[in-house]
Amino acid sequence: MKHFFYSIFLITIGLTSAEAQTTLKESSKTPLTIGEVVTIESKILSESRILNIYLPESYKVADTLKYPVIYVLDGSMDEDFLHIAGLVQFFNLQMNMPKTIVVGIANIDRKRDFTFPTIDKKLKKDYPTTGGSRKFIDFMENEVQPYIKANYPTNAQKMLIGQSLGGLVATEILFKKPTLFTDYIIVSPSLWWDNESLLKDAKMFLSAHNKLSANVYVSVGSEGEIMEREAKSLVDVLKNAGKPNLKAEFLFLPNENHATILHQSVNDTFKLMYPNQEK
């Protein structure tokens, strides 16, 4: 009999616990919101484009605080937006990084948007939509950045993060329209595109700007001789450009490959930019 009542007691406790858990789950559900998703109609690209926007804690549109902005290429929800936003939140919490807005530019056709035209027949065959970077850069300059400036309280700091083909177009922007951003994080750039023509013409592009002020961080992992050489060559040409306000840093991450390089690169770059707080 004693065992019978003990069993009933355990069953009752179990049912009560299960009911409490069910009630707790139902009463504590609230939306998890870290920002906004905005769709803008691009006249330049003739298509709708999605911007995923991370807003820092305690953000207010009418706040007197002006925020830096990080623009993330490959910024779709299932690409790099969420984990870059997570790094920003962490470095704001633990390091000296200011509260920052993150704008992820979602992709439609990255091979189109991130490459400039080429006459290479094999590349044109492998990338049939190639050659749209000029329009994409115009889209960022004349539609995305003005939209962000008009709708969010921002300051003058604008950072661009791009990897692979995203690193290619980030390098193109740095060479052709460097004032679009104050800081560039260029990860494993695909400078092999068009037989390295962008890298070969680097000195010409850089000499066209009398004053060039930017902070550039280039990183690469164990990704083969060509990509590693190109990344190092990019930093060398930036350092030797004779531009005192053009700062370039090279990060070689031998334990990372093309699939793992971005997150670690941004993490290590943020460490350089925003050292640990003294407790």
C-alpha atoms as a PDB file:
ATOM      1  CA  MET A   1       0.000   0.000   0.000  1.00  0.00           C
ATOM      2  CA  LYS A   2       2.848   2.328   0.865  1.00  0.00           C
ATOM      3  CA  HIS A   3       4.365   1.759  -2.572  1.00  0.00           C
ATOM      4  CA  PHE A   4       1.023   2.431  -4.207  1.00  0.00           C
ATOM      5  CA  PHE A   5       0.628   5.857  -2.581  1.00  0.00           C
ATOM      6  CA  TYR A   6       4.255   6.689  -3.359  1.00  0.00           C
ATOM      7  CA  SER A   7       3.655   5.902  -7.025  1.00  0.00           C
ATOM      8  CA  ILE A   8       0.531   8.067  -7.069  1.00  0.00           C
ATOM      9  CA  PHE A   9       2.557  10.874  -5.467  1.00  0.00           C
ATOM     10  CA  LEU A  10       5.236  10.703  -8.150  1.00  0.00           C
ATOM     11  CA  ILE A  11       2.664  10.656 -10.952  1.00  0.00           C
ATOM     12  CA  THR A  12       0.915  13.670  -9.439  1.00  0.00           C
ATOM     13  CA  ILE A  13       4.195  15.581  -9.125  1.00  0.00           C
ATOM     14  CA  GLY A  14       5.055  14.714 -12.729  1.00  0.00           C
ATOM     15  CA  LEU A  15       1.681  15.866 -14.044  1.00  0.00           C
ATOM     16  CA  THR A  16       1.854  19.079 -12.031  1.00  0.00           C
ATOM     17  CA  SER A  17       5.371  19.763 -13.315  1.00  0.00           C
ATOM     18  CA  ALA A  18       4.316  19.096 -16.924  1.00  0.00           C
ATOM     19  CA  GLU A  19       1.296  21.389 -16.552  1.00  0.00           C
ATOM     20  CA  ALA A  20       3.481  24.095 -15.037  1.00  0.00           C
ATOM     21  CA  GLN A  21       5.947  23.818 -17.913  1.00  0.00           C
ATOM     22  CA  THR A  22       3.142  23.974 -20.468  1.00  0.00           C
ATOM     23  CA  THR A  23       1.630  26.988 -18.729  1.00  0.00           C
ATOM     24  CA  LEU A  24       5.027  28.666 -18.470  1.00  0.00           C
ATOM     25  CA  LYS A  25       5.740  28.196 -22.156  1.00  0.00           C
ATOM     26  CA  GLU A  26       2.373  29.570 -23.170  1.00  0.00           C
ATOM     27  CA  SER A  27       2.511  32.596 -20.876  1.00  0.00           C
ATOM     28  CA  SER A  28       6.077  33.636 -21.696  1.00  0.00           C
ATOM     29  CA  LYS A  29       6.036  33.675 -25.488  1.00  0.00           C
ATOM     30  CA  THR A  30       6.970  37.040 -26.970  1.00  0.00           C
ATOM     31  CA  PRO A  31       8.450  37.934 -30.358  1.00  0.00           C
ATOM     32  CA  LEU A  32      12.243  38.030 -30.503  1.00  0.00           C
ATOM     33  CA  THR A  33      13.095  41.227 -32.363  1.00  0.00           C
ATOM     34  CA  ILE A  34      16.601  42.433 -33.101  1.00  0.00           C
ATOM     35  CA  GLY A  35      15.781  44.960 -35.783  1.00  0.00           C
ATOM     36  CA  GLU A  36      13.825  45.450 -38.956  1.00  0.00           C
ATOM     37  CA  VAL A  37      13.449  43.981 -42.428  1.00  0.00           C
ATOM     38  CA  VAL A  38      13.011  46.655 -45.085  1.00  0.00           C
ATOM     39  CA  THR A  39      12.200  46.188 -48.760  1.00  0.00           C
ATOM     40  CA  ILE A  40      13.202  49.048 -51.023  1.00  0.00           C
ATOM     41  CA  GLU A  41      12.314  49.450 -54.668  1.00  0.00           C
ATOM     42  CA  SER A  42      15.531  50.024 -56.580  1.00  0.00           C
ATOM     43  CA  LYS A  43      15.197  52.110 -59.713  1.00  0.00           C
ATOM     44  CA  ILE A  44      18.862  51.509 -60.486  1.00  0.00           C
ATOM     45  CA  LEU A  45      18.589  47.711 -60.384  1.00  0.00           C
ATOM     46  CA  SER A  46      14.934  47.593 -61.504  1.00  0.00           C
ATOM     47  CA  GLU A  47      14.033  45.189 -58.697  1.00  0.00           C
ATOM     48  CA  SER A  48      12.998  45.004 -55.047  1.00  0.00           C
ATOM     49  CA  ARG A  49      15.855  44.547 -52.584  1.00  0.00           C
ATOM     50  CA  ILE A  50      15.730  43.460 -48.964  1.00  0.00           C
ATOM     51  CA  LEU A  51      17.755  45.122 -46.213  1.00  0.00           C
ATOM     52  CA  ASN A  52      18.089  43.247 -42.916  1.00  0.00           C
ATOM     53  CA  ILE A  53      18.794  45.828 -40.237  1.00  0.00           C
ATOM     54  CA  TYR A  54      20.134  45.099 -36.746  1.00  0.00           C
ATOM     55  CA  LEU A  55      19.374  47.837 -34.222  1.00  0.00           C
ATOM     56  CA  PRO A  56      21.385  47.997 -30.993  1.00  0.00           C
ATOM     57  CA  GLU A  57      19.870  47.635 -27.552  1.00  0.00           C
ATOM     58  CA  SER A  58      17.917  50.682 -26.349  1.00  0.00           C
ATOM     59  CA  TYR A  59      17.864  52.057 -29.898  1.00  0.00           C
ATOM     60  CA  LYS A  60      15.479  54.934 -30.513  1.00  0.00           C
ATOM     61  CA  VAL A  61      14.884  56.700 -33.818  1.00  0.00           C
ATOM     62  CA  ALA A  62      14.677  60.042 -32.025  1.00  0.00           C
ATOM     63  CA  ASP A  63      17.788  59.331 -29.932  1.00  0.00           C
ATOM     64  CA  THR A  64      20.399  62.064 -29.922  1.00  0.00           C
ATOM     65  CA  LEU A  65      23.046  59.348 -30.199  1.00  0.00           C
ATOM     66  CA  LYS A  66      24.356  58.910 -33.732  1.00  0.00           C
ATOM     67  CA  TYR A  67      25.319  55.377 -34.698  1.00  0.00           C
ATOM     68  CA  PRO A  68      28.058  53.971 -36.932  1.00  0.00           C
ATOM     69  CA  VAL A  69      26.773  51.674 -39.673  1.00  0.00           C
ATOM     70  CA  ILE A  70      28.199  48.368 -40.876  1.00  0.00           C
ATOM     71  CA  TYR A  71      27.092  47.263 -44.337  1.00  0.00           C
ATOM     72  CA  VAL A  72      27.305  43.502 -44.857  1.00  0.00           C
ATOM     73  CA  LEU A  73      27.453  42.016 -48.335  1.00  0.00           C
ATOM     74  CA  ASP A  74      25.905  38.537 -48.532  1.00  0.00           C
ATOM     75  CA  GLY A  75      23.562  39.967 -45.920  1.00  0.00           C
ATOM     76  CA  SER A  76      20.608  37.611 -46.280  1.00  0.00           C
ATOM     77  CA  MET A  77      19.125  36.019 -43.160  1.00  0.00           C
ATOM     78  CA  ASP A  78      20.507  32.626 -44.199  1.00  0.00           C
ATOM     79  CA  GLU A  79      23.938  34.045 -45.062  1.00  0.00           C
ATOM     80  CA  ASP A  80      26.130  36.373 -42.990  1.00  0.00           C
ATOM     81  CA  PHE A  81      23.732  38.867 -41.424  1.00  0.00           C
ATOM     82  CA  LEU A  82      22.879  37.117 -38.157  1.00  0.00           C
ATOM     83  CA  HIS A  83      26.352  36.051 -37.095  1.00  0.00           C
ATOM     84  CA  ILE A  84      27.880  39.438 -37.953  1.00  0.00           C
ATOM     85  CA  ALA A  85      25.123  41.125 -35.923  1.00  0.00           C
ATOM     86  CA  GLY A  86      25.978  38.711 -33.099  1.00  0.00           C
ATOM     87  CA  LEU A  87      29.642  39.706 -33.200  1.00  0.00           C
ATOM     88  CA  VAL A  88      28.669  43.376 -33.116  1.00  0.00           C
ATOM     89  CA  GLN A  89      26.443  42.777 -30.072  1.00  0.00           C
ATOM     90  CA  PHE A  90      29.243  40.855 -28.323  1.00  0.00           C
ATOM     91  CA  PHE A  91      31.930  43.456 -29.025  1.00  0.00           C
ATOM     92  CA  ASN A  92      29.594  46.190 -27.869  1.00  0.00           C
ATOM     93  CA  LEU A  93      29.016  44.236 -24.645  1.00  0.00           C
ATOM     94  CA  GLN A  94      32.582  43.151 -23.885  1.00  0.00           C
ATOM     95  CA  MET A  95      34.889  45.442 -25.829  1.00  0.00           C
ATOM     96  CA  ASN A  96      35.122  49.126 -26.729  1.00  0.00           C
ATOM     97  CA  MET A  97      32.914  48.894 -29.803  1.00  0.00           C
ATOM     98  CA  PRO A  98      30.217  51.592 -29.870  1.00  0.00           C
ATOM     99  CA  LYS A  99      26.571  50.705 -30.355  1.00  0.00           C
ATOM    100  CA  THR A 100      26.291  50.096 -34.080  1.00  0.00           C
ATOM    101  CA  ILE A 101      23.623  49.558 -36.731  1.00  0.00           C
ATOM    102  CA  VAL A 102      24.199  46.601 -39.064  1.00  0.00           C
ATOM    103  CA  VAL A 103      22.684  46.607 -42.555  1.00  0.00           C
ATOM    104  CA  GLY A 104      22.684  43.276 -44.353  1.00  0.00           C
ATOM    105  CA  ILE A 105      22.115  43.617 -48.095  1.00  0.00           C
ATOM    106  CA  ALA A 106      20.300  40.441 -49.094  1.00  0.00           C
ATOM    107  CA  ASN A 107      21.361  38.761 -52.304  1.00  0.00           C
ATOM    108  CA  ILE A 108      19.446  38.111 -55.490  1.00  0.00           C
ATOM    109  CA  ASP A 109      22.363  37.350 -57.834  1.00  0.00           C
ATOM    110  CA  ARG A 110      25.740  37.864 -56.183  1.00  0.00           C
ATOM    111  CA  LYS A 111      27.652  36.717 -59.277  1.00  0.00           C
ATOM    112  CA  ARG A 112      25.996  39.530 -61.194  1.00  0.00           C
ATOM    113  CA  ASP A 113      26.263  42.211 -58.524  1.00  0.00           C
ATOM    114  CA  PHE A 114      29.806  41.534 -57.296  1.00  0.00           C
ATOM    115  CA  THR A 115      31.667  41.208 -60.620  1.00  0.00           C
ATOM    116  CA  PHE A 116      32.735  43.753 -63.216  1.00  0.00           C
ATOM    117  CA  PRO A 117      32.643  42.894 -66.947  1.00  0.00           C
ATOM    118  CA  THR A 118      35.243  40.550 -68.367  1.00  0.00           C
ATOM    119  CA  ILE A 119      36.203  39.403 -71.834  1.00  0.00           C
ATOM    120  CA  ASP A 120      37.414  36.047 -70.529  1.00  0.00           C
ATOM    121  CA  LYS A 121      35.302  33.481 -72.381  1.00  0.00           C
ATOM    122  CA  LYS A 122      35.457  30.835 -69.670  1.00  0.00           C
ATOM    123  CA  LEU A 123      34.388  33.272 -66.961  1.00  0.00           C
ATOM    124  CA  LYS A 124      31.530  34.522 -69.128  1.00  0.00           C
ATOM    125  CA  LYS A 125      30.430  30.926 -69.625  1.00  0.00           C
ATOM    126  CA  ASP A 126      30.713  30.054 -65.918  1.00  0.00           C
ATOM    127  CA  TYR A 127      29.122  33.360 -64.847  1.00  0.00           C
ATOM    128  CA  PRO A 128      26.469  34.068 -67.494  1.00  0.00           C
ATOM    129  CA  THR A 129      24.969  37.012 -65.587  1.00  0.00           C
ATOM    130  CA  THR A 130      28.355  38.589 -64.881  1.00  0.00           C
ATOM    131  CA  GLY A 131      29.301  42.241 -64.983  1.00  0.00           C
ATOM    132  CA  GLY A 132      26.789  44.158 -62.857  1.00  0.00           C
ATOM    133  CA  SER A 133      29.031  45.604 -60.152  1.00  0.00           C
ATOM    134  CA  ARG A 134      28.809  49.172 -61.455  1.00  0.00           C
ATOM    135  CA  LYS A 135      25.035  49.202 -61.038  1.00  0.00           C
ATOM    136  CA  PHE A 136      25.297  47.527 -57.653  1.00  0.00           C
ATOM    137  CA  ILE A 137      27.794  50.127 -56.440  1.00  0.00           C
ATOM    138  CA  ASP A 138      25.474  52.881 -57.697  1.00  0.00           C
ATOM    139  CA  PHE A 139      22.639  51.156 -55.836  1.00  0.00           C
ATOM    140  CA  MET A 140      24.597  51.268 -52.572  1.00  0.00           C
ATOM    141  CA  GLU A 141      25.742  54.857 -53.095  1.00  0.00           C
ATOM    142  CA  ASN A 142      22.528  56.429 -54.352  1.00  0.00           C
ATOM    143  CA  GLU A 143      19.786  54.299 -52.801  1.00  0.00           C
ATOM    144  CA  VAL A 144      20.921  52.207 -49.829  1.00  0.00           C
ATOM    145  CA  GLN A 145      23.132  54.709 -48.031  1.00  0.00           C
ATOM    146  CA  PRO A 146      20.727  57.647 -48.529  1.00  0.00           C
ATOM    147  CA  TYR A 147      17.848  55.487 -47.258  1.00  0.00           C
ATOM    148  CA  ILE A 148      19.758  54.538 -44.107  1.00  0.00           C
ATOM    149  CA  LYS A 149      20.875  58.131 -43.500  1.00  0.00           C
ATOM    150  CA  ALA A 150      17.328  59.456 -43.920  1.00  0.00           C
ATOM    151  CA  ASN A 151      15.665  56.890 -41.675  1.00  0.00           C
ATOM    152  CA  TYR A 152      18.199  56.182 -38.914  1.00  0.00           C
ATOM    153  CA  PRO A 153      20.374  58.441 -36.747  1.00  0.00           C
ATOM    154  CA  THR A 154      23.857  57.759 -38.098  1.00  0.00           C
ATOM    155  CA  ASN A 155      27.296  59.286 -37.824  1.00  0.00           C
ATOM    156  CA  ALA A 156      30.071  59.463 -40.399  1.00  0.00           C
ATOM    157  CA  GLN A 157      31.551  55.995 -39.818  1.00  0.00           C
ATOM    158  CA  LYS A 158      30.514  53.521 -42.510  1.00  0.00           C
ATOM    159  CA  MET A 159      32.078  50.069 -42.668  1.00  0.00           C
ATOM    160  CA  LEU A 160      31.831  47.523 -45.478  1.00  0.00           C
ATOM    161  CA  ILE A 161      32.301  43.780 -44.984  1.00  0.00           C
ATOM    162  CA  GLY A 162      32.693  41.492 -47.990  1.00  0.00           C
ATOM    163  CA  GLN A 163      34.086  38.015 -48.586  1.00  0.00           C
ATOM    164  CA  SER A 164      35.155  36.205 -51.765  1.00  0.00           C
ATOM    165  CA  LEU A 165      33.241  37.847 -54.644  1.00  0.00           C
ATOM    166  CA  GLY A 166      31.986  40.261 -51.974  1.00  0.00           C
ATOM    167  CA  GLY A 167      35.635  41.008 -51.238  1.00  0.00           C
ATOM    168  CA  LEU A 168      36.181  41.614 -54.955  1.00  0.00           C
ATOM    169  CA  VAL A 169      33.477  44.270 -55.157  1.00  0.00           C
ATOM    170  CA  ALA A 170      34.622  45.758 -51.838  1.00  0.00           C
ATOM    171  CA  THR A 171      38.093  46.160 -53.358  1.00  0.00           C
ATOM    172  CA  GLU A 172      36.574  47.688 -56.485  1.00  0.00           C
ATOM    173  CA  ILE A 173      34.733  50.242 -54.337  1.00  0.00           C
ATOM    174  CA  LEU A 174      37.939  51.013 -52.415  1.00  0.00           C
ATOM    175  CA  PHE A 175      39.780  51.654 -55.683  1.00  0.00           C
ATOM    176  CA  LYS A 176      37.071  53.533 -57.548  1.00  0.00           C
ATOM    177  CA  LYS A 177      34.885  55.214 -54.907  1.00  0.00           C
ATOM    178  CA  PRO A 178      36.832  54.994 -51.647  1.00  0.00           C
ATOM    179  CA  THR A 179      34.843  57.676 -49.819  1.00  0.00           C
ATOM    180  CA  LEU A 180      31.714  55.512 -49.820  1.00  0.00           C
ATOM    181  CA  PHE A 181      33.072  53.838 -46.669  1.00  0.00           C
ATOM    182  CA  THR A 182      35.497  54.779 -43.926  1.00  0.00           C
ATOM    183  CA  ASP A 183      36.435  51.193 -43.041  1.00  0.00           C
ATOM    184  CA  TYR A 184      36.778  48.092 -45.194  1.00  0.00           C
ATOM    185  CA  ILE A 185      36.942  44.486 -44.005  1.00  0.00           C
ATOM    186  CA  ILE A 186      37.955  42.547 -47.113  1.00  0.00           C
ATOM    187  CA  VAL A 187      38.031  38.794 -46.607  1.00  0.00           C
ATOM    188  CA  SER A 188      39.529  36.326 -49.101  1.00  0.00           C
ATOM    189  CA  PRO A 189      38.886  38.642 -52.061  1.00  0.00           C
ATOM    190  CA  SER A 190      38.418  36.942 -55.437  1.00  0.00           C
ATOM    191  CA  LEU A 191      41.050  39.074 -57.114  1.00  0.00           C
ATOM    192  CA  TRP A 192      41.662  36.284 -59.623  1.00  0.00           C
ATOM    193  CA  TRP A 193      38.606  37.633 -61.454  1.00  0.00           C
ATOM    194  CA  ASP A 194      39.344  38.828 -65.014  1.00  0.00           C
ATOM    195  CA  ASN A 195      42.948  37.605 -64.835  1.00  0.00           C
ATOM    196  CA  GLU A 196      43.708  39.808 -61.804  1.00  0.00           C
ATOM    197  CA  SER A 197      43.017  42.993 -63.761  1.00  0.00           C
ATOM    198  CA  LEU A 198      41.790  44.886 -60.678  1.00  0.00           C
ATOM    199  CA  LEU A 199      44.975  44.090 -58.791  1.00  0.00           C
ATOM    200  CA  LYS A 200      47.174  44.858 -61.810  1.00  0.00           C
ATOM    201  CA  ASP A 201      45.560  48.307 -62.133  1.00  0.00           C
ATOM    202  CA  ALA A 202      45.628  49.037 -58.397  1.00  0.00           C
ATOM    203  CA  LYS A 203      48.329  51.714 -58.561  1.00  0.00           C
ATOM    204  CA  MET A 204      46.469  53.527 -61.334  1.00  0.00           C
ATOM    205  CA  PHE A 205      43.219  53.536 -59.359  1.00  0.00           C
ATOM    206  CA  LEU A 206      44.875  54.674 -56.143  1.00  0.00           C
ATOM    207  CA  SER A 207      46.846  57.456 -57.833  1.00  0.00           C
ATOM    208  CA  ALA A 208      43.596  58.920 -59.164  1.00  0.00           C
ATOM    209  CA  HIS A 209      42.614  60.008 -55.629  1.00  0.00           C
ATOM    210  CA  ASN A 210      44.552  62.980 -54.287  1.00  0.00           C
ATOM    211  CA  LYS A 211      43.355  62.348 -50.763  1.00  0.00           C
ATOM    212  CA  LEU A 212      42.435  58.849 -49.709  1.00  0.00           C
ATOM    213  CA  SER A 213      41.444  58.189 -46.114  1.00  0.00           C
ATOM    214  CA  ALA A 214      40.312  54.701 -45.095  1.00  0.00           C
ATOM    215  CA  ASN A 215      41.087  51.862 -42.729  1.00  0.00           C
ATOM    216  CA  VAL A 216      41.445  48.575 -44.618  1.00  0.00           C
ATOM    217  CA  TYR A 217      41.708  45.115 -43.115  1.00  0.00           C
ATOM    218  CA  VAL A 218      42.466  42.278 -45.517  1.00  0.00           C
ATOM    219  CA  SER A 219      42.429  38.663 -44.364  1.00  0.00           C
ATOM    220  CA  VAL A 220      42.904  35.244 -45.896  1.00  0.00           C
ATOM    221  CA  GLY A 221      43.164  31.684 -44.648  1.00  0.00           C
ATOM    222  CA  SER A 222      44.778  28.542 -46.017  1.00  0.00           C
ATOM    223  CA  GLU A 223      43.048  28.946 -49.375  1.00  0.00           C
ATOM    224  CA  GLY A 224      45.688  28.156 -51.941  1.00  0.00           C
ATOM    225  CA  GLU A 225      48.705  29.978 -53.315  1.00  0.00           C
ATOM    226  CA  ILE A 226      46.764  32.246 -55.668  1.00  0.00           C
ATOM    227  CA  MET A 227      44.262  33.667 -53.199  1.00  0.00           C
ATOM    228  CA  GLU A 228      46.859  33.999 -50.447  1.00  0.00           C
ATOM    229  CA  ARG A 229      49.297  35.795 -52.759  1.00  0.00           C
ATOM    230  CA  GLU A 230      46.621  38.142 -54.080  1.00  0.00           C
ATOM    231  CA  ALA A 231      45.430  39.124 -50.605  1.00  0.00           C
ATOM    232  CA  LYS A 232      49.001  39.883 -49.495  1.00  0.00           C
ATOM    233  CA  SER A 233      49.686  41.800 -52.725  1.00  0.00           C
ATOM    234  CA  LEU A 234      46.598  43.940 -52.125  1.00  0.00           C
ATOM    235  CA  VAL A 235      47.860  44.975 -48.706  1.00  0.00           C
ATOM    236  CA  ASP A 236      51.341  45.663 -50.059  1.00  0.00           C
ATOM    237  CA  VAL A 237      50.038  47.966 -52.787  1.00  0.00           C
ATOM    238  CA  LEU A 238      47.861  49.823 -50.265  1.00  0.00           C
ATOM    239  CA  LYS A 239      50.757  50.301 -47.855  1.00  0.00           C
ATOM    240  CA  ASN A 240      53.020  51.538 -50.650  1.00  0.00           C
ATOM    241  CA  ALA A 241      50.479  53.882 -52.234  1.00  0.00           C
ATOM    242  CA  GLY A 242      51.937  56.985 -50.602  1.00  0.00           C
ATOM    243  CA  LYS A 243      48.628  57.843 -48.935  1.00  0.00           C
ATOM    244  CA  PRO A 244      49.313  58.718 -45.272  1.00  0.00           C
ATOM    245  CA  ASN A 245      45.665  58.444 -44.288  1.00  0.00           C
ATOM    246  CA  LEU A 246      45.216  55.053 -45.931  1.00  0.00           C
ATOM    247  CA  LYS A 247      45.848  52.413 -43.278  1.00  0.00           C
ATOM    248  CA  ALA A 248      46.102  48.732 -44.223  1.00  0.00           C
ATOM    249  CA  GLU A 249      46.403  45.619 -42.063  1.00  0.00           C
ATOM    250  CA  PHE A 250      46.955  42.030 -43.184  1.00  0.00           C
ATOM    251  CA  LEU A 251      45.587  39.073 -41.224  1.00  0.00           C
ATOM    252  CA  PHE A 252      46.686  35.583 -42.191  1.00  0.00           C
ATOM    253  CA  LEU A 253      44.563  32.909 -40.495  1.00  0.00           C
ATOM    254  CA  PRO A 254      46.187  29.566 -41.362  1.00  0.00           C
ATOM    255  CA  ASN A 255      43.656  27.501 -39.408  1.00  0.00           C
ATOM    256  CA  GLU A 256      40.736  28.795 -41.506  1.00  0.00           C
ATOM    257  CA  ASN A 257      39.585  27.849 -45.000  1.00  0.00           C
ATOM    258  CA  HIS A 258      37.260  29.547 -47.467  1.00  0.00           C
ATOM    259  CA  ALA A 259      34.196  28.228 -45.642  1.00  0.00           C
ATOM    260  CA  THR A 260      35.262  29.246 -42.130  1.00  0.00           C
ATOM    261  CA  ILE A 261      37.289  32.390 -42.740  1.00  0.00           C
ATOM    262  CA  LEU A 262      34.665  35.158 -42.532  1.00  0.00           C
ATOM    263  CA  HIS A 263      33.495  34.877 -38.937  1.00  0.00           C
ATOM    264  CA  GLN A 264      37.016  34.532 -37.531  1.00  0.00           C
ATOM    265  CA  SER A 265      38.292  37.358 -39.737  1.00  0.00           C
ATOM    266  CA  VAL A 266      35.641  39.785 -38.533  1.00  0.00           C
ATOM    267  CA  ASN A 267      36.199  38.682 -34.934  1.00  0.00           C
ATOM    268  CA  ASP A 268      39.961  39.250 -35.167  1.00  0.00           C
ATOM    269  CA  THR A 269      39.544  42.544 -37.015  1.00  0.00           C
ATOM    270  CA  PHE A 270      37.148  43.827 -34.372  1.00  0.00           C
ATOM    271  CA  LYS A 271      39.778  42.913 -31.765  1.00  0.00           C
ATOM    272  CA  LEU A 272      42.220  45.231 -33.514  1.00  0.00           C
ATOM    273  CA  MET A 273      39.676  48.005 -33.864  1.00  0.00           C
ATOM    274  CA  TYR A 274      38.077  47.758 -30.429  1.00  0.00           C
ATOM    275  CA  PRO A 275      40.441  46.411 -27.742  1.00  0.00           C
ATOM    276  CA  ASN A 276      39.148  44.797 -24.560  1.00  0.00           C
ATOM    277  CA  GLN A 277      37.706  47.051 -21.880  1.00  0.00           C
ATOM    278  CA  GLU A 278      39.750  47.376 -18.702  1.00  0.00           C
ATOM    279  CA  LYS A 279      37.690  46.038 -15.828  1.00  0.00           C
END
